[in-house]
C-alpha atoms as a PDB file:
ATOM      1  CA  MET A   1       2.443  31.535 -20.507  1.00  0.00           C
ATOM      2  CA  ILE A   2       3.457  27.819 -19.940  1.00  0.00           C
ATOM      3  CA  ILE A   3       7.298  26.549 -20.992  1.00  0.00           C
ATOM      4  CA  THR A   4       6.758  23.033 -20.569  1.00  0.00           C
ATOM      5  CA  ARG A   5       9.628  20.536 -20.057  1.00  0.00           C
ATOM      6  CA  GLN A   6       9.105  19.325 -23.842  1.00  0.00           C
ATOM      7  CA  ASP A   7       9.440  23.076 -25.224  1.00  0.00           C
ATOM      8  CA  LEU A   8      13.083  23.102 -23.421  1.00  0.00           C
ATOM      9  CA  LEU A   9      14.065  19.577 -24.944  1.00  0.00           C
ATOM     10  CA  THR A  10      12.866  20.971 -28.403  1.00  0.00           C
ATOM     11  CA  ILE A  11      14.801  24.189 -28.280  1.00  0.00           C
ATOM     12  CA  VAL A  12      18.166  22.549 -27.023  1.00  0.00           C
ATOM     13  CA  ALA A  13      17.691  19.411 -29.019  1.00  0.00           C
ATOM     14  CA  ASP A  14      21.102  19.746 -30.382  1.00  0.00           C
ATOM     15  CA  ASN A  15      23.015  20.219 -26.981  1.00  0.00           C
ATOM     16  CA  ALA A  16      23.149  16.856 -25.067  1.00  0.00           C
ATOM     17  CA  GLU A  17      24.425  18.732 -21.531  1.00  0.00           C
ATOM     18  CA  LEU A  18      21.288  21.118 -21.711  1.00  0.00           C
ATOM     19  CA  ILE A  19      19.119  18.036 -22.267  1.00  0.00           C
ATOM     20  CA  ARG A  20      20.412  16.604 -19.092  1.00  0.00           C
ATOM     21  CA  GLN A  21      19.667  19.920 -17.274  1.00  0.00           C
ATOM     22  CA  VAL A  22      16.298  20.178 -18.389  1.00  0.00           C
ATOM     23  CA  TYR A  23      15.466  17.350 -15.626  1.00  0.00           C
ATOM     24  CA  GLU A  24      17.944  18.511 -13.405  1.00  0.00           C
ATOM     25  CA  ASN A  25      17.657  22.318 -13.031  1.00  0.00           C
ATOM     26  CA  PRO A  26      15.255  23.528 -15.944  1.00  0.00           C
ATOM     27  CA  GLU A  27      15.361  27.066 -14.654  1.00  0.00           C
ATOM     28  CA  SER A  28      19.196  27.224 -15.332  1.00  0.00           C
ATOM     29  CA  VAL A  29      17.726  25.672 -18.931  1.00  0.00           C
ATOM     30  CA  LEU A  30      15.785  28.470 -19.205  1.00  0.00           C
ATOM     31  CA  LYS A  31      18.078  31.392 -18.149  1.00  0.00           C
ATOM     32  CA  GLN A  32      20.460  30.265 -20.617  1.00  0.00           C
ATOM     33  CA  CYS A  33      18.119  30.052 -23.633  1.00  0.00           C
ATOM     34  CA  LYS A  34      17.224  33.398 -22.664  1.00  0.00           C
ATOM     35  CA  GLN A  35      20.823  34.773 -22.712  1.00  0.00           C
ATOM     36  CA  ASN A  36      21.671  32.957 -26.034  1.00  0.00           C
ATOM     37  CA  GLY A  37      18.388  34.302 -27.781  1.00  0.00           C
ATOM     38  CA  ALA A  38      16.923  30.934 -28.265  1.00  0.00           C
ATOM     39  CA  LEU A  39      13.988  31.678 -26.078  1.00  0.00           C
ATOM     40  CA  GLU A  40      11.609  33.185 -28.966  1.00  0.00           C
ATOM     41  CA  ILE A  41       8.868  34.427 -26.438  1.00  0.00           C
ATOM     42  CA  PHE A  42      11.396  36.325 -24.799  1.00  0.00           C
ATOM     43  CA  ASN A  43      12.957  37.905 -27.915  1.00  0.00           C
ATOM     44  CA  PHE A  44       9.503  39.063 -28.937  1.00  0.00           C
ATOM     45  CA  TYR A  45       8.650  40.887 -26.078  1.00  0.00           C
ATOM     46  CA  ASP A  46      12.282  42.517 -25.924  1.00  0.00           C
ATOM     47  CA  TYR A  47      11.572  43.559 -29.198  1.00  0.00           C
ATOM     48  CA  CYS A  48       8.170  44.924 -28.377  1.00  0.00           C
ATOM     49  CA  ARG A  49       9.888  46.803 -25.524  1.00  0.00           C
ATOM     50  CA  LYS A  50      12.587  48.253 -28.110  1.00  0.00           C
ATOM     51  CA  SER A  51       9.985  49.254 -30.548  1.00  0.00           C
ATOM     52  CA  TYR A  52       8.335  51.402 -27.705  1.00  0.00           C
ATOM     53  CA  ASN A  53      11.692  52.763 -26.555  1.00  0.00           C
ATOM     54  CA  GLN A  54      12.274  53.955 -30.359  1.00  0.00           C
ATOM     55  CA  LYS A  55       8.495  55.416 -29.971  1.00  0.00           C
ATOM     56  CA  HIS A  56       7.134  53.043 -32.938  1.00  0.00           C
ATOM     57  CA  SER A  57       4.876  50.962 -31.105  1.00  0.00           C
ATOM     58  CA  LYS A  58       2.901  51.823 -27.536  1.00  0.00           C
ATOM     59  CA  ILE A  59       2.141  47.586 -27.321  1.00  0.00           C
ATOM     60  CA  TYR A  60       5.100  46.991 -24.947  1.00  0.00           C
ATOM     61  CA  ILE A  61       3.580  50.047 -22.368  1.00  0.00           C
ATOM     62  CA  ASN A  62       0.002  49.007 -22.820  1.00  0.00           C
ATOM     63  CA  ILE A  63       1.051  45.617 -21.904  1.00  0.00           C
ATOM     64  CA  VAL A  64       2.809  46.746 -18.690  1.00  0.00           C
ATOM     65  CA  LYS A  65       1.112  49.207 -17.454  1.00  0.00           C
ATOM     66  CA  GLU A  66      -2.221  49.085 -15.383  1.00  0.00           C
ATOM     67  CA  VAL A  67      -5.170  48.837 -16.835  1.00  0.00           C
ATOM     68  CA  GLU A  68      -6.717  52.573 -16.964  1.00  0.00           C
ATOM     69  CA  GLU A  69      -9.347  52.210 -19.868  1.00  0.00           C
ATOM     70  CA  PRO A  70     -10.783  48.861 -20.406  1.00  0.00           C
ATOM     71  CA  LYS A  71     -11.470  49.514 -24.302  1.00  0.00           C
ATOM     72  CA  LYS A  72      -7.976  49.787 -24.893  1.00  0.00           C
ATOM     73  CA  VAL A  73      -7.296  46.545 -23.926  1.00  0.00           C
ATOM     74  CA  LEU A  74      -8.760  45.111 -26.994  1.00  0.00           C
ATOM     75  CA  THR A  75      -6.947  47.469 -29.518  1.00  0.00           C
ATOM     76  CA  THR A  76      -3.850  46.169 -27.459  1.00  0.00           C
ATOM     77  CA  LEU A  77      -4.446  42.660 -27.900  1.00  0.00           C
ATOM     78  CA  SER A  78      -5.726  43.144 -31.607  1.00  0.00           C
ATOM     79  CA  ALA A  79      -2.190  44.594 -32.065  1.00  0.00           C
ATOM     80  CA  LEU A  80      -0.833  41.887 -30.297  1.00  0.00           C
ATOM     81  CA  ILE A  81      -1.986  39.513 -32.417  1.00  0.00           C
ATOM     82  CA  THR A  82      -0.639  41.093 -35.539  1.00  0.00           C
ATOM     83  CA  GLN A  83       2.667  41.626 -33.956  1.00  0.00           C
ATOM     84  CA  ILE A  84       2.627  38.262 -32.618  1.00  0.00           C
ATOM     85  CA  LEU A  85       1.904  36.245 -36.224  1.00  0.00           C
ATOM     86  CA  LEU A  86       4.310  38.899 -37.986  1.00  0.00           C
ATOM     87  CA  PHE A  87       7.199  37.399 -35.582  1.00  0.00           C
ATOM     88  CA  ALA A  88       6.122  34.060 -35.841  1.00  0.00           C
ATOM     89  CA  GLU A  89       6.903  33.926 -39.467  1.00  0.00           C
ATOM     90  CA  GLN A  90      10.522  34.261 -38.682  1.00  0.00           C
ATOM     91  CA  SER A  91      10.500  31.631 -35.498  1.00  0.00           C
ATOM     92  CA  GLN A  92      12.612  28.385 -35.664  1.00  0.00           C
ATOM     93  CA  HIS A  93      10.063  26.786 -33.408  1.00  0.00           C
ATOM     94  CA  ARG A  94       6.897  28.568 -34.368  1.00  0.00           C
ATOM     95  CA  ASP A  95       4.355  26.211 -32.664  1.00  0.00           C
ATOM     96  CA  ILE A  96       6.174  26.365 -29.085  1.00  0.00           C
ATOM     97  CA  PHE A  97       6.217  30.397 -30.089  1.00  0.00           C
ATOM     98  CA  LEU A  98       2.307  30.681 -30.935  1.00  0.00           C
ATOM     99  CA  ARG A  99       1.288  28.805 -27.704  1.00  0.00           C
ATOM    100  CA  GLN A 100       3.856  30.621 -25.259  1.00  0.00           C
ATOM    101  CA  SER A 101       2.585  33.809 -26.570  1.00  0.00           C
ATOM    102  CA  ARG A 102      -1.057  33.163 -25.927  1.00  0.00           C
ATOM    103  CA  LEU A 103      -2.092  33.775 -29.116  1.00  0.00           C
ATOM    104  CA  ASN A 104      -5.348  31.286 -28.651  1.00  0.00           C
ATOM    105  CA  GLU A 105      -6.272  32.766 -25.287  1.00  0.00           C
ATOM    106  CA  ILE A 106      -6.192  36.142 -27.319  1.00  0.00           C
ATOM    107  CA  ILE A 107      -8.393  35.119 -30.124  1.00  0.00           C
ATOM    108  CA  ARG A 108     -11.118  33.513 -27.798  1.00  0.00           C
ATOM    109  CA  VAL A 109     -11.042  36.712 -25.687  1.00  0.00           C
ATOM    110  CA  ILE A 110     -11.589  39.164 -28.831  1.00  0.00           C
ATOM    111  CA  GLN A 111     -14.545  36.243 -29.521  1.00  0.00           C
ATOM    112  CA  ASN A 112     -15.794  36.502 -26.438  1.00  0.00           C
ATOM    113  CA  TYR A 113     -16.322  40.250 -26.392  1.00  0.00           C
ATOM    114  CA  VAL A 114     -17.384  40.304 -29.687  1.00  0.00           C
ATOM    115  CA  GLU A 115     -20.264  37.844 -28.925  1.00  0.00           C
ATOM    116  CA  ASN A 116     -20.823  39.379 -25.254  1.00  0.00           C
ATOM    117  CA  ARG A 117     -19.436  42.597 -24.815  1.00  0.00           C
ATOM    118  CA  ASP A 118     -17.685  41.307 -21.909  1.00  0.00           C
ATOM    119  CA  LEU A 119     -14.490  42.825 -21.300  1.00  0.00           C
ATOM    120  CA  THR A 120     -13.583  41.262 -18.046  1.00  0.00           C
ATOM    121  CA  TYR A 121     -11.754  38.035 -19.543  1.00  0.00           C
ATOM    122  CA  ALA A 122      -9.759  40.909 -21.750  1.00  0.00           C
ATOM    123  CA  VAL A 123      -8.486  42.736 -18.700  1.00  0.00           C
ATOM    124  CA  LYS A 124      -7.574  39.566 -16.920  1.00  0.00           C
ATOM    125  CA  LEU A 125      -5.589  38.279 -19.834  1.00  0.00           C
ATOM    126  CA  ILE A 126      -3.679  41.543 -20.367  1.00  0.00           C
ATOM    127  CA  ARG A 127      -2.813  41.175 -16.959  1.00  0.00           C
ATOM    128  CA  ASP A 128      -1.831  37.504 -17.225  1.00  0.00           C
ATOM    129  CA  ILE A 129       0.120  38.613 -20.256  1.00  0.00           C
ATOM    130  CA  ARG A 130       1.900  41.611 -18.141  1.00  0.00           C
ATOM    131  CA  ASP A 131       3.140  38.738 -15.583  1.00  0.00           C
ATOM    132  CA  ASP A 132       4.586  36.801 -18.314  1.00  0.00           C
ATOM    133  CA  VAL A 133       6.807  39.849 -19.313  1.00  0.00           C
ATOM    134  CA  LYS A 134       7.746  40.379 -15.709  1.00  0.00           C
ATOM    135  CA  PHE A 135       8.614  36.754 -15.387  1.00  0.00           C
ATOM    136  CA  LEU A 136      10.570  36.537 -18.397  1.00  0.00           C
ATOM    137  CA  GLU A 137      12.620  40.199 -17.811  1.00  0.00           C
ATOM    138  CA  ASN A 138      13.481  38.576 -14.150  1.00  0.00           C
ATOM    139  CA  LEU A 139      14.339  35.372 -15.210  1.00  0.00           C
END
């Protein structure tokens, strides 16, 4: 996941003080965006976590646990695509959210599996997504 300076500027465009801080201390702006709900990728993973806690969805636990069965990774990534697209419908900054959620990468990995039956990239991607979730939670 890459949260660029341009992403932050777009998210905080109506707050001159935060715009200045984007250049001086981008990490503090990230923390503020997370706290006030403006960081949609965090809101998405928080939504997935809450769905898991309420026993509705296993996507979150399949992302954050270590990969035990590589073939389940494909199911998790496929379900993640659906959840990303549903969440994007209500997203204020849809393009930013879709990029940060790694939608294009997920689609490419599944396409690679269909063509080559190679799960290597799928397992690597699910680990990268897990790292994204940990980063956002520790922010």
